[in-house]
N, C-alpha and C. Protein backbone atom coordinates (compact mmCIF):
# COMPACT_ATOMS: atom_id res chain seq x y z
N MET A 1 -26.13 -5.45 19.79
CA MET A 1 -25.96 -5.12 19.12
C MET A 1 -25.86 -5.64 16.95
N LYS A 2 -26.58 -6.06 16.46
CA LYS A 2 -26.66 -6.38 15.14
C LYS A 2 -26.20 -5.52 14.22
N VAL A 3 -25.51 -6.07 13.64
CA VAL A 3 -24.52 -6.10 12.30
C VAL A 3 -25.39 -5.36 11.23
N ASP A 4 -25.71 -4.27 10.81
CA ASP A 4 -25.98 -3.76 9.54
C ASP A 4 -25.78 -4.19 8.38
N ILE A 5 -26.50 -5.45 7.38
CA ILE A 5 -26.04 -5.72 6.73
C ILE A 5 -25.42 -4.88 5.35
N SER A 6 -26.41 -4.08 4.94
CA SER A 6 -26.14 -3.49 4.30
C SER A 6 -24.57 -2.64 4.16
N LYS A 7 -24.15 -2.23 5.51
CA LYS A 7 -22.83 -1.75 5.14
C LYS A 7 -21.65 -2.68 5.68
N LEU A 8 -22.43 -3.65 6.06
CA LEU A 8 -21.05 -5.17 6.02
C LEU A 8 -21.22 -5.09 4.67
N LYS A 9 -21.59 -5.27 3.90
CA LYS A 9 -21.72 -5.81 2.11
C LYS A 9 -21.35 -4.65 1.85
N LEU A 10 -21.68 -3.56 1.42
CA LEU A 10 -20.59 -1.98 1.05
C LEU A 10 -19.15 -2.37 1.73
N SER A 11 -18.65 -2.73 2.49
CA SER A 11 -16.99 -2.87 3.29
C SER A 11 -17.02 -3.75 2.80
N LEU A 12 -17.22 -5.40 2.54
CA LEU A 12 -16.54 -6.02 2.02
C LEU A 12 -16.25 -6.08 0.21
N ILE A 13 -17.24 -5.53 -0.01
CA ILE A 13 -16.88 -4.89 -1.38
C ILE A 13 -16.02 -4.24 -1.47
N ILE A 14 -16.07 -2.81 -0.99
CA ILE A 14 -14.34 -2.56 -1.54
C ILE A 14 -13.54 -2.89 -0.76
N ILE A 15 -13.02 -3.45 0.20
CA ILE A 15 -12.05 -4.13 0.71
C ILE A 15 -11.43 -5.31 -0.88
N GLY A 16 -13.32 -6.19 -1.45
CA GLY A 16 -12.85 -7.09 -2.81
C GLY A 16 -12.22 -6.40 -3.41
N VAL A 17 -12.72 -5.69 -3.88
CA VAL A 17 -12.52 -4.81 -5.29
C VAL A 17 -11.00 -3.86 -4.93
N ILE A 18 -10.19 -3.67 -3.75
CA ILE A 18 -9.39 -2.84 -3.50
C ILE A 18 -8.72 -4.49 -3.71
N LEU A 19 -8.61 -5.09 -2.85
CA LEU A 19 -7.71 -6.33 -3.08
C LEU A 19 -7.16 -6.77 -4.23
N ILE A 20 -8.43 -7.42 -5.13
CA ILE A 20 -8.07 -7.73 -6.36
C ILE A 20 -7.42 -6.94 -7.20
N ILE A 21 -7.71 -5.83 -7.46
CA ILE A 21 -7.12 -4.71 -8.40
C ILE A 21 -5.77 -4.55 -7.64
N ASP A 22 -5.37 -4.63 -6.65
CA ASP A 22 -4.34 -4.43 -5.95
C ASP A 22 -2.95 -5.81 -6.74
N GLN A 23 -3.51 -6.93 -6.14
CA GLN A 23 -3.04 -8.18 -6.34
C GLN A 23 -2.68 -8.45 -7.67
N VAL A 24 -3.80 -8.51 -8.27
CA VAL A 24 -3.59 -8.60 -10.22
C VAL A 24 -2.95 -7.53 -10.30
N LEU A 25 -2.67 -6.47 -10.26
CA LEU A 25 -1.76 -5.43 -10.76
C LEU A 25 -0.45 -6.02 -10.58
N LYS A 26 -0.01 -6.54 -8.83
CA LYS A 26 1.30 -6.36 -8.48
C LYS A 26 2.06 -8.06 -9.27
N ILE A 27 0.96 -8.79 -9.47
CA ILE A 27 1.33 -10.02 -9.74
C ILE A 27 1.87 -9.97 -11.26
N TRP A 28 1.04 -9.16 -11.83
CA TRP A 28 1.46 -9.09 -13.56
C TRP A 28 2.74 -7.76 -13.87
N ILE A 29 3.02 -7.25 -12.70
CA ILE A 29 4.21 -6.46 -12.72
C ILE A 29 5.07 -7.79 -12.54
N LYS A 30 4.89 -8.04 -11.11
CA LYS A 30 6.51 -9.27 -11.08
C LYS A 30 6.91 -10.17 -12.13
N THR A 31 5.43 -10.64 -13.00
CA THR A 31 5.57 -11.27 -13.45
C THR A 31 5.73 -11.07 -14.93
N ASN A 32 6.08 -9.97 -15.44
CA ASN A 32 6.05 -9.47 -16.52
C ASN A 32 7.49 -8.24 -16.53
N MET A 33 7.81 -7.62 -15.67
CA MET A 33 9.49 -7.01 -15.05
C MET A 33 10.25 -7.26 -14.78
N MET A 34 11.12 -7.12 -15.44
CA MET A 34 12.30 -6.93 -14.24
C MET A 34 12.63 -5.98 -13.44
N LEU A 35 13.20 -6.37 -12.24
CA LEU A 35 13.17 -4.90 -10.92
C LEU A 35 13.37 -3.83 -11.62
N GLY A 36 13.23 -2.78 -11.92
CA GLY A 36 13.92 -1.85 -12.37
C GLY A 36 13.15 -0.93 -13.39
N GLN A 37 12.76 -2.33 -14.06
CA GLN A 37 11.99 -1.34 -15.63
C GLN A 37 10.94 -0.74 -15.59
N GLU A 38 10.34 -0.22 -17.00
CA GLU A 38 10.04 1.13 -16.66
C GLU A 38 8.84 1.00 -17.94
N TYR A 39 8.07 1.28 -17.61
CA TYR A 39 7.19 1.91 -18.94
C TYR A 39 6.71 3.28 -19.39
N ARG A 40 6.92 4.01 -19.29
CA ARG A 40 6.49 5.37 -19.54
C ARG A 40 5.37 6.02 -20.52
N ILE A 41 4.23 6.15 -19.65
CA ILE A 41 3.26 6.48 -20.09
C ILE A 41 2.65 7.96 -20.65
N PHE A 42 3.09 8.65 -19.70
CA PHE A 42 3.37 9.84 -20.48
C PHE A 42 5.10 10.54 -19.22
N GLU A 43 5.09 11.18 -19.59
CA GLU A 43 6.60 12.48 -18.87
C GLU A 43 6.22 12.42 -17.55
N TRP A 44 4.98 12.73 -17.13
CA TRP A 44 4.37 12.53 -15.98
C TRP A 44 4.29 10.98 -14.95
N PHE A 45 3.86 10.21 -15.64
CA PHE A 45 3.13 8.92 -15.21
C PHE A 45 4.15 8.06 -15.97
N ILE A 46 4.30 7.45 -14.99
CA ILE A 46 5.87 6.07 -15.66
C ILE A 46 5.12 5.10 -14.55
N ILE A 47 5.33 3.48 -15.24
CA ILE A 47 5.06 2.51 -14.28
C ILE A 47 6.39 1.85 -14.30
N HIS A 48 6.95 2.15 -12.78
CA HIS A 48 8.28 1.52 -12.68
C HIS A 48 8.33 0.96 -11.21
N PHE A 49 8.97 -0.51 -11.59
CA PHE A 49 8.79 -1.01 -10.86
C PHE A 49 10.05 -1.44 -9.87
N VAL A 50 9.60 -1.53 -8.53
CA VAL A 50 10.86 -1.13 -7.63
C VAL A 50 10.14 -2.05 -6.29
N GLU A 51 10.91 -2.60 -5.57
CA GLU A 51 10.37 -3.75 -4.46
C GLU A 51 10.63 -2.97 -2.67
N ASN A 52 10.07 -2.44 -2.23
CA ASN A 52 10.34 -2.16 -0.54
C ASN A 52 10.20 -3.18 0.56
N ASN A 53 10.50 -2.93 1.61
CA ASN A 53 10.51 -4.00 2.76
C ASN A 53 8.79 -3.77 3.85
N GLY A 54 8.21 -2.93 2.97
CA GLY A 54 6.62 -2.89 3.38
C GLY A 54 5.89 -1.30 3.81
N MET A 55 6.46 -0.31 4.28
CA MET A 55 5.97 0.70 4.78
C MET A 55 5.29 1.34 3.65
N ALA A 56 4.47 2.56 3.57
CA ALA A 56 3.94 2.97 2.45
C ALA A 56 4.88 4.35 1.75
N PHE A 57 4.72 4.06 0.72
CA PHE A 57 5.58 4.94 -0.37
C PHE A 57 7.29 4.41 -0.26
N GLY A 58 7.80 3.59 -0.46
CA GLY A 58 8.77 3.02 -0.31
C GLY A 58 9.54 2.92 0.89
N MET A 59 8.93 3.33 2.14
CA MET A 59 9.80 3.51 3.04
C MET A 59 10.00 2.68 3.88
N GLU A 60 10.94 2.18 4.69
CA GLU A 60 11.51 0.66 5.77
C GLU A 60 12.24 0.96 6.66
N LEU A 61 12.32 -0.13 7.77
CA LEU A 61 12.99 -0.10 8.81
C LEU A 61 14.05 -1.00 7.81
N ALA A 62 15.48 -0.68 8.48
CA ALA A 62 16.33 -1.46 8.18
C ALA A 62 16.67 -2.38 8.71
N GLY A 63 17.20 -3.55 7.97
CA GLY A 63 17.71 -5.03 8.78
C GLY A 63 16.88 -5.69 9.10
N GLU A 64 16.90 -6.99 9.47
CA GLU A 64 16.73 -7.97 9.56
C GLU A 64 15.40 -7.91 10.69
N TYR A 65 15.77 -7.66 11.70
CA TYR A 65 14.70 -7.23 12.56
C TYR A 65 13.82 -6.09 12.53
N GLY A 66 13.97 -5.09 11.71
CA GLY A 66 13.21 -3.69 11.53
C GLY A 66 12.24 -4.69 10.14
N LYS A 67 12.62 -5.39 9.80
CA LYS A 67 11.71 -6.26 9.20
C LYS A 67 10.32 -6.86 9.63
N ILE A 68 11.16 -7.95 10.41
CA ILE A 68 9.84 -8.68 11.61
C ILE A 68 9.34 -7.55 12.31
N ILE A 69 9.56 -6.72 13.19
CA ILE A 69 9.32 -5.90 13.51
C ILE A 69 7.67 -5.33 12.78
N LEU A 70 8.56 -4.62 11.65
CA LEU A 70 7.44 -3.86 11.26
C LEU A 70 6.15 -4.57 10.31
N SER A 71 6.49 -6.32 10.30
CA SER A 71 5.80 -7.17 9.66
C SER A 71 4.47 -7.43 10.75
N ILE A 72 4.85 -7.79 12.13
CA ILE A 72 4.44 -7.97 13.23
C ILE A 72 3.25 -6.82 13.82
N PHE A 73 3.87 -5.66 13.72
CA PHE A 73 3.18 -4.16 13.74
C PHE A 73 2.16 -4.26 12.54
N ARG A 74 2.25 -4.37 11.58
CA ARG A 74 0.79 -4.26 10.64
C ARG A 74 0.12 -5.14 10.77
N ILE A 75 0.66 -6.02 11.60
CA ILE A 75 -0.28 -7.38 11.20
C ILE A 75 -1.26 -6.95 12.60
N VAL A 76 -0.32 -6.31 13.82
CA VAL A 76 -1.48 -6.17 14.63
C VAL A 76 -2.61 -4.95 14.59
N ALA A 77 -1.83 -3.89 13.42
CA ALA A 77 -2.87 -3.05 13.27
C ALA A 77 -4.05 -3.26 12.62
N VAL A 78 -3.35 -3.93 11.61
CA VAL A 78 -4.76 -4.67 10.37
C VAL A 78 -6.03 -5.23 11.13
N THR A 79 -5.58 -5.87 12.00
CA THR A 79 -6.43 -7.18 12.90
C THR A 79 -7.39 -5.67 13.98
N ALA A 80 -6.72 -4.73 14.26
CA ALA A 80 -7.43 -3.84 15.09
C ALA A 80 -8.52 -3.08 14.29
N ILE A 81 -7.95 -2.43 13.14
CA ILE A 81 -8.74 -2.03 12.43
C ILE A 81 -9.81 -2.61 11.99
N GLY A 82 -9.45 -3.82 11.21
CA GLY A 82 -10.72 -4.64 11.44
C GLY A 82 -12.00 -5.24 12.34
N TRP A 83 -11.76 -5.35 13.59
CA TRP A 83 -12.23 -5.40 14.76
C TRP A 83 -13.27 -4.12 14.55
N TYR A 84 -12.20 -2.51 14.47
CA TYR A 84 -13.30 -1.58 14.57
C TYR A 84 -14.06 -1.19 13.37
N LEU A 85 -13.79 -1.75 12.29
CA LEU A 85 -15.15 -1.94 10.78
C LEU A 85 -15.50 -2.48 11.03
N TYR A 86 -15.52 -3.61 11.90
CA TYR A 86 -16.91 -4.58 12.29
C TYR A 86 -17.68 -4.02 13.18
N ASN A 87 -16.81 -3.64 14.25
CA ASN A 87 -17.57 -2.69 15.01
C ASN A 87 -18.24 -1.67 14.54
N LEU A 88 -17.79 -0.64 13.46
CA LEU A 88 -18.76 0.30 13.22
C LEU A 88 -19.80 -0.38 12.30
N THR A 89 -20.14 -1.55 11.31
CA THR A 89 -21.13 -2.04 11.00
C THR A 89 -22.09 -2.17 11.88
N LYS A 90 -21.89 -2.01 13.22
CA LYS A 90 -22.43 -2.89 14.16
C LYS A 90 -23.29 -1.36 15.05
N LYS A 91 -22.54 0.04 14.24
CA LYS A 91 -23.26 0.79 15.27
C LYS A 91 -23.94 1.59 14.53
N ASP A 92 -24.23 3.11 14.45
CA ASP A 92 -24.89 3.74 13.63
C ASP A 92 -23.53 5.10 13.14
N ALA A 93 -22.98 4.43 12.46
CA ALA A 93 -21.50 4.82 11.76
C ALA A 93 -21.94 5.48 10.46
N HIS A 94 -21.47 6.89 10.32
CA HIS A 94 -21.99 6.97 8.97
C HIS A 94 -21.13 6.36 7.74
N THR A 95 -21.86 6.16 7.06
CA THR A 95 -21.38 5.68 5.62
C THR A 95 -19.93 5.67 5.57
N GLY A 96 -19.61 6.96 5.14
CA GLY A 96 -18.61 7.53 4.41
C GLY A 96 -17.20 7.55 5.40
N LEU A 97 -17.43 6.96 6.97
CA LEU A 97 -16.50 6.32 7.90
C LEU A 97 -16.41 5.43 7.21
N ILE A 98 -17.52 4.29 7.05
CA ILE A 98 -17.38 2.97 7.22
C ILE A 98 -16.40 2.64 5.38
N VAL A 99 -16.82 3.45 4.71
CA VAL A 99 -16.08 3.52 3.18
C VAL A 99 -14.90 3.87 3.68
N SER A 100 -14.23 5.04 4.72
CA SER A 100 -12.86 5.39 4.61
C SER A 100 -11.97 4.30 5.27
N VAL A 101 -12.55 3.75 6.34
CA VAL A 101 -11.82 2.85 7.23
C VAL A 101 -11.51 1.54 6.77
N SER A 102 -12.87 1.17 5.43
CA SER A 102 -12.63 0.10 4.50
C SER A 102 -11.22 -0.22 4.03
N LEU A 103 -11.29 1.59 2.72
CA LEU A 103 -9.80 1.49 2.47
C LEU A 103 -9.03 1.11 2.83
N VAL A 104 -8.95 1.96 4.29
CA VAL A 104 -7.48 1.91 4.54
C VAL A 104 -7.12 0.71 5.43
N PHE A 105 -8.26 -0.20 5.50
CA PHE A 105 -8.36 -1.95 6.12
C PHE A 105 -7.58 -2.71 4.73
N ALA A 106 -8.32 -2.32 3.49
CA ALA A 106 -8.32 -3.23 2.13
C ALA A 106 -6.37 -2.56 2.07
N GLY A 107 -5.82 -1.55 2.12
CA GLY A 107 -5.03 -1.11 1.66
C GLY A 107 -3.37 -1.91 2.50
N ALA A 108 -3.32 -1.91 4.13
CA ALA A 108 -2.85 -2.20 4.10
C ALA A 108 -3.38 -3.90 4.62
N LEU A 109 -4.15 -4.47 4.54
CA LEU A 109 -3.94 -6.34 4.34
C LEU A 109 -3.42 -6.08 2.89
N GLY A 110 -3.79 -5.45 1.40
CA GLY A 110 -2.88 -5.34 0.30
C GLY A 110 -1.00 -5.91 0.41
N ASN A 111 -1.06 -4.73 1.11
CA ASN A 111 0.50 -4.56 1.44
C ASN A 111 1.27 -5.96 2.11
N ILE A 112 0.11 -6.44 3.30
CA ILE A 112 0.93 -7.31 4.36
C ILE A 112 0.64 -8.62 3.53
N ILE A 113 -0.34 -8.79 2.40
CA ILE A 113 0.06 -10.07 1.68
C ILE A 113 1.43 -10.68 0.63
N ASP A 114 1.98 -9.08 0.69
CA ASP A 114 2.85 -8.96 0.06
C ASP A 114 3.88 -9.35 0.68
N SER A 115 4.05 -8.73 1.35
CA SER A 115 4.75 -9.01 2.79
C SER A 115 5.03 -10.65 3.44
N ALA A 116 3.85 -10.86 3.65
CA ALA A 116 3.88 -12.46 3.98
C ALA A 116 4.27 -13.67 2.92
N PHE A 117 3.91 -13.27 2.18
CA PHE A 117 3.76 -14.49 0.86
C PHE A 117 4.69 -14.42 -0.40
N TYR A 118 5.03 -13.18 -0.85
CA TYR A 118 5.37 -13.13 -2.35
C TYR A 118 6.88 -13.61 -2.32
N GLY A 119 7.79 -13.51 -0.96
CA GLY A 119 9.16 -14.02 -0.81
C GLY A 119 9.20 -15.43 -0.94
N MET A 120 7.82 -16.14 -0.94
CA MET A 120 7.91 -17.80 -0.29
C MET A 120 7.14 -18.47 -2.14
N ILE A 121 6.33 -17.80 -2.91
CA ILE A 121 5.95 -17.74 -3.76
C ILE A 121 6.00 -17.52 -5.23
N PHE A 122 7.11 -15.85 -4.84
CA PHE A 122 7.83 -15.78 -6.24
C PHE A 122 9.42 -16.31 -5.90
N ASP A 123 10.25 -16.35 -6.77
CA ASP A 123 11.83 -15.86 -6.62
C ASP A 123 12.04 -14.26 -7.70
N ALA A 124 13.60 -13.86 -7.36
CA ALA A 124 13.93 -12.82 -7.40
C ALA A 124 13.90 -11.98 -8.65
N SER A 125 13.59 -10.80 -8.56
CA SER A 125 13.47 -10.08 -9.91
C SER A 125 14.59 -9.31 -10.47
N TYR A 126 15.74 -9.56 -9.86
CA TYR A 126 17.10 -8.68 -10.17
C TYR A 126 17.42 -9.25 -11.30
N GLY A 127 17.81 -8.35 -11.83
CA GLY A 127 17.98 -9.21 -13.67
C GLY A 127 16.89 -9.96 -14.69
N ARG A 128 16.32 -10.25 -13.85
CA ARG A 128 14.86 -11.58 -14.77
C ARG A 128 13.71 -11.25 -14.28
N VAL A 129 12.76 -11.81 -14.95
CA VAL A 129 10.92 -11.80 -14.48
C VAL A 129 10.93 -12.45 -13.83
N ALA A 130 10.38 -12.33 -12.14
CA ALA A 130 10.23 -13.33 -11.54
C ALA A 130 9.13 -14.41 -12.06
N THR A 131 9.32 -15.85 -11.40
CA THR A 131 8.50 -17.19 -11.31
C THR A 131 7.42 -17.18 -11.07
N PHE A 132 6.41 -17.31 -11.40
CA PHE A 132 5.35 -17.59 -10.12
C PHE A 132 5.42 -19.46 -9.74
N LEU A 133 5.75 -19.68 -8.15
CA LEU A 133 6.21 -20.89 -7.76
C LEU A 133 6.90 -21.40 -8.33
N PRO A 134 8.56 -21.03 -8.35
CA PRO A 134 9.62 -21.41 -8.74
C PRO A 134 9.67 -22.87 -8.09
N GLU A 135 10.07 -24.21 -9.48
CA GLU A 135 10.55 -25.44 -8.67
C GLU A 135 11.95 -24.93 -7.71
N SER A 136 12.41 -24.34 -7.58
CA SER A 136 14.02 -24.11 -6.60
C SER A 136 13.91 -22.91 -5.27
N GLY A 137 11.93 -22.55 -5.25
CA GLY A 137 11.41 -22.12 -4.10
C GLY A 137 11.70 -20.70 -3.99
N GLY A 138 11.15 -19.77 -3.20
CA GLY A 138 11.00 -18.50 -3.73
C GLY A 138 12.14 -18.03 -2.64
N TYR A 139 12.04 -16.14 -2.81
CA TYR A 139 13.46 -15.68 -2.55
C TYR A 139 13.26 -15.44 -1.52
N ALA A 140 12.65 -15.72 0.10
CA ALA A 140 12.74 -14.96 1.36
C ALA A 140 11.68 -16.01 1.70
N PRO A 141 11.86 -16.10 3.07
CA PRO A 141 10.76 -16.81 3.52
C PRO A 141 9.20 -16.08 4.43
N PHE A 142 8.64 -16.90 5.07
CA PHE A 142 7.11 -15.91 5.21
C PHE A 142 7.22 -14.58 6.29
N LEU A 143 6.55 -14.03 5.86
CA LEU A 143 6.94 -12.63 6.71
C LEU A 143 8.24 -11.80 5.93
N HIS A 144 8.94 -12.27 5.06
CA HIS A 144 10.12 -11.37 4.74
C HIS A 144 9.80 -10.98 3.30
N GLY A 145 8.57 -10.88 2.44
CA GLY A 145 8.84 -10.71 1.27
C GLY A 145 8.82 -9.24 1.19
N LYS A 146 8.90 -8.86 -0.31
CA LYS A 146 8.95 -7.67 0.05
C LYS A 146 7.36 -6.82 -0.92
N VAL A 147 6.99 -5.45 -0.50
CA VAL A 147 5.83 -5.12 -0.83
C VAL A 147 6.48 -4.83 -2.60
N VAL A 148 5.63 -4.95 -3.98
CA VAL A 148 5.87 -4.14 -5.17
C VAL A 148 5.16 -3.00 -5.28
N ASP A 149 5.74 -2.11 -6.15
CA ASP A 149 5.54 -0.88 -6.43
C ASP A 149 5.76 -0.35 -7.64
N MET A 150 4.89 0.42 -8.29
CA MET A 150 4.99 0.82 -9.46
C MET A 150 4.28 2.28 -10.64
N PHE A 151 3.44 2.73 -9.32
CA PHE A 151 3.28 3.76 -9.85
C PHE A 151 4.04 4.95 -9.31
N TYR A 152 4.33 6.09 -10.78
CA TYR A 152 5.73 6.42 -10.15
C TYR A 152 4.96 7.98 -10.86
N PHE A 153 5.21 9.29 -10.59
CA PHE A 153 4.33 10.34 -10.55
C PHE A 153 5.35 11.35 -10.69
N PRO A 154 6.67 11.97 -11.72
CA PRO A 154 7.34 12.81 -11.23
C PRO A 154 6.87 14.16 -11.81
N LEU A 155 5.97 14.40 -11.60
CA LEU A 155 4.72 15.98 -11.90
C LEU A 155 6.04 17.51 -12.26
N LEU A 156 6.92 17.32 -11.18
CA LEU A 156 7.34 18.60 -11.79
C LEU A 156 9.37 18.40 -11.36
N THR A 157 9.83 18.96 -12.27
CA THR A 157 11.08 18.42 -12.12
C THR A 157 11.82 19.65 -12.12
N GLY A 158 13.15 19.94 -11.48
CA GLY A 158 13.78 20.89 -12.14
C GLY A 158 15.34 20.93 -11.25
N THR A 159 15.72 22.12 -10.70
CA THR A 159 17.20 21.83 -9.93
C THR A 159 16.65 22.88 -8.20
N TYR A 160 17.47 22.70 -7.46
CA TYR A 160 17.58 23.33 -6.52
C TYR A 160 18.24 24.51 -6.62
N PRO A 161 18.04 25.83 -6.20
CA PRO A 161 19.06 26.68 -6.15
C PRO A 161 20.18 26.99 -5.73
N GLN A 162 21.31 27.13 -5.86
CA GLN A 162 22.71 26.87 -5.63
C GLN A 162 22.80 27.16 -4.24
N TRP A 163 22.17 28.26 -3.33
CA TRP A 163 22.22 29.01 -2.61
C TRP A 163 21.52 27.79 -1.08
N LEU A 164 20.79 27.25 -1.69
CA LEU A 164 20.06 26.77 -0.68
C LEU A 164 21.40 25.78 -0.19
N PRO A 165 20.89 25.64 1.30
CA PRO A 165 21.85 24.58 1.88
C PRO A 165 22.10 23.51 1.92
N PHE A 166 22.59 22.41 1.80
CA PHE A 166 22.80 21.00 1.83
C PHE A 166 21.61 20.21 0.20
N VAL A 167 21.32 20.73 -0.03
CA VAL A 167 20.24 20.50 -1.46
C VAL A 167 20.49 21.31 -2.95
N GLY A 168 21.38 22.34 -2.20
CA GLY A 168 21.78 23.06 -3.44
C GLY A 168 22.11 22.85 -4.97
N GLY A 169 21.74 22.70 -6.04
CA GLY A 169 22.37 22.45 -7.06
C GLY A 169 21.96 20.84 -7.14
N ASN A 170 21.28 19.70 -6.42
CA ASN A 170 20.89 19.16 -6.77
C ASN A 170 19.44 18.86 -7.79
N GLU A 171 19.29 17.99 -7.61
CA GLU A 171 17.96 17.91 -8.74
C GLU A 171 16.64 17.91 -7.99
N PHE A 172 15.76 18.20 -8.43
CA PHE A 172 13.93 18.33 -7.42
C PHE A 172 13.28 17.52 -7.85
N ILE A 173 12.66 16.55 -7.71
CA ILE A 173 11.06 16.13 -8.36
C ILE A 173 10.24 16.20 -7.32
N PHE A 174 9.14 15.91 -8.17
CA PHE A 174 8.10 15.91 -7.48
C PHE A 174 6.96 15.22 -8.21
N PHE A 175 6.73 14.52 -7.85
CA PHE A 175 6.30 13.91 -6.89
C PHE A 175 7.02 12.21 -6.69
N ARG A 176 8.50 12.33 -6.13
CA ARG A 176 9.64 11.17 -6.16
C ARG A 176 8.91 9.89 -5.59
N PRO A 177 8.48 9.47 -4.27
CA PRO A 177 8.23 8.52 -3.90
C PRO A 177 6.90 7.43 -5.15
N VAL A 178 7.40 6.07 -5.11
CA VAL A 178 6.68 5.14 -5.97
C VAL A 178 6.10 4.23 -5.33
N PHE A 179 4.58 3.99 -5.29
CA PHE A 179 3.59 3.74 -4.72
C PHE A 179 3.19 2.88 -5.45
N ASN A 180 1.77 2.16 -5.01
CA ASN A 180 0.72 0.97 -5.21
C ASN A 180 -0.92 1.29 -4.69
N ILE A 181 -1.81 0.35 -5.17
CA ILE A 181 -3.03 0.89 -5.20
C ILE A 181 -3.36 0.56 -3.63
N ALA A 182 -2.79 -0.26 -2.79
CA ALA A 182 -3.02 -0.32 -1.70
C ALA A 182 -2.36 1.11 -1.13
N ASP A 183 -1.30 1.49 -0.84
CA ASP A 183 -0.93 2.59 -0.59
C ASP A 183 -1.85 4.35 -1.17
N SER A 184 -2.51 3.92 -2.08
CA SER A 184 -3.42 4.62 -2.61
C SER A 184 -4.19 4.62 -1.39
N ALA A 185 -5.12 3.28 -1.83
CA ALA A 185 -6.09 3.44 -0.74
C ALA A 185 -6.45 3.66 0.75
N ILE A 186 -5.22 3.34 1.24
CA ILE A 186 -4.50 3.97 2.61
C ILE A 186 -4.64 5.62 2.84
N THR A 187 -4.47 5.94 1.81
CA THR A 187 -4.36 8.00 1.76
C THR A 187 -5.79 8.41 1.62
N VAL A 188 -6.02 7.60 0.82
CA VAL A 188 -7.63 7.95 -0.05
C VAL A 188 -8.13 8.13 1.27
N GLY A 189 -8.12 6.96 2.02
CA GLY A 189 -9.14 6.89 3.22
C GLY A 189 -8.90 7.80 4.42
N ILE A 190 -7.56 8.34 4.49
CA ILE A 190 -7.19 8.51 5.60
C ILE A 190 -7.21 10.13 5.57
N PHE A 191 -7.15 10.53 4.35
CA PHE A 191 -7.73 12.05 3.92
C PHE A 191 -9.08 12.46 3.67
N ILE A 192 -10.13 11.31 3.67
CA ILE A 192 -11.60 11.54 3.50
C ILE A 192 -11.68 11.64 5.20
N ILE A 193 -10.93 10.36 5.81
CA ILE A 193 -11.57 10.79 7.35
C ILE A 193 -11.14 12.11 7.87
N LEU A 194 -9.76 12.87 7.60
CA LEU A 194 -9.51 13.54 8.13
C LEU A 194 -9.93 15.33 7.48
N ILE A 195 -10.72 15.06 6.48
CA ILE A 195 -11.53 16.14 6.12
C ILE A 195 -12.66 16.15 6.60
N PHE A 196 -13.67 15.18 6.65
CA PHE A 196 -14.69 15.21 7.10
C PHE A 196 -14.80 14.57 8.67
N GLN A 197 -13.61 14.98 9.37
CA GLN A 197 -13.98 14.56 10.75
C GLN A 197 -15.17 14.85 11.36
N LYS A 198 -15.33 15.86 11.50
CA LYS A 198 -16.73 16.70 12.12
C LYS A 198 -17.89 15.81 11.98
N ARG A 199 -18.20 15.24 10.17
CA ARG A 199 -19.10 14.35 9.96
C ARG A 199 -19.20 13.23 10.55
N PHE A 200 -18.14 12.57 10.76
CA PHE A 200 -18.00 11.42 11.10
C PHE A 200 -17.90 11.25 12.46
N PHE A 201 -17.53 11.99 13.37
CA PHE A 201 -17.74 11.97 14.55
C PHE A 201 -18.21 13.32 15.40
N PRO A 202 -19.50 13.23 15.61
CA PRO A 202 -20.23 14.43 16.02
C PRO A 202 -19.56 14.71 17.71
N GLU A 203 -19.86 15.67 18.20
CA GLU A 203 -19.16 15.58 19.42
C GLU A 203 -19.71 14.85 20.38
N GLY A 204 -19.03 14.52 21.02
CA GLY A 204 -19.21 13.43 22.28
C GLY A 204 -19.25 11.92 21.50
N THR A 205 -19.10 11.12 20.28
CA THR A 205 -19.35 10.20 20.00
C THR A 205 -17.66 10.54 19.38
N LEU A 206 -17.22 8.58 19.15
CA LEU A 206 -15.98 8.24 18.94
C LEU A 206 -16.18 7.64 17.38
């Protein structure tokens, strides 16, 4: 079965655009801001520089082995997604499904780039702006880099009622996680698939 060139081109354009925007923004953040520094665009929209070990929205697996396991899992996952996407371009797959899977693939690959290479090409951002390709070397070996996050949307803030167990009296913030373009691409792609799954996967097809 031949590849549908138009769908393959569309997929590659989406992946390329997402990766370029994601990496340009991350590199700018890394080379212009210190860890924890922020720019307040609006009260509900803040550019806040944080780093994490590689899961979406700042979540992570703890410890040295957790990082290695996560990196290997993500490489295997993005390889599987890439293979699935390639096969979709050879079938009569819905264009919306091609777009959605391309978004997920681009987002996963964007964060893998950080995790695999940022530790080697940047020095640490603690208390200073990082240097690109520092003479003294990077802050971590291959696959041990940290993912750069920057978008923070504290849309709603307040205090939990005192009568609530465990959290009563504590500050409430929605939306608390800090994320990046790659995370957004993954999330949007998955939501599109969930919303239009009946259209993308007619009964009896995969």
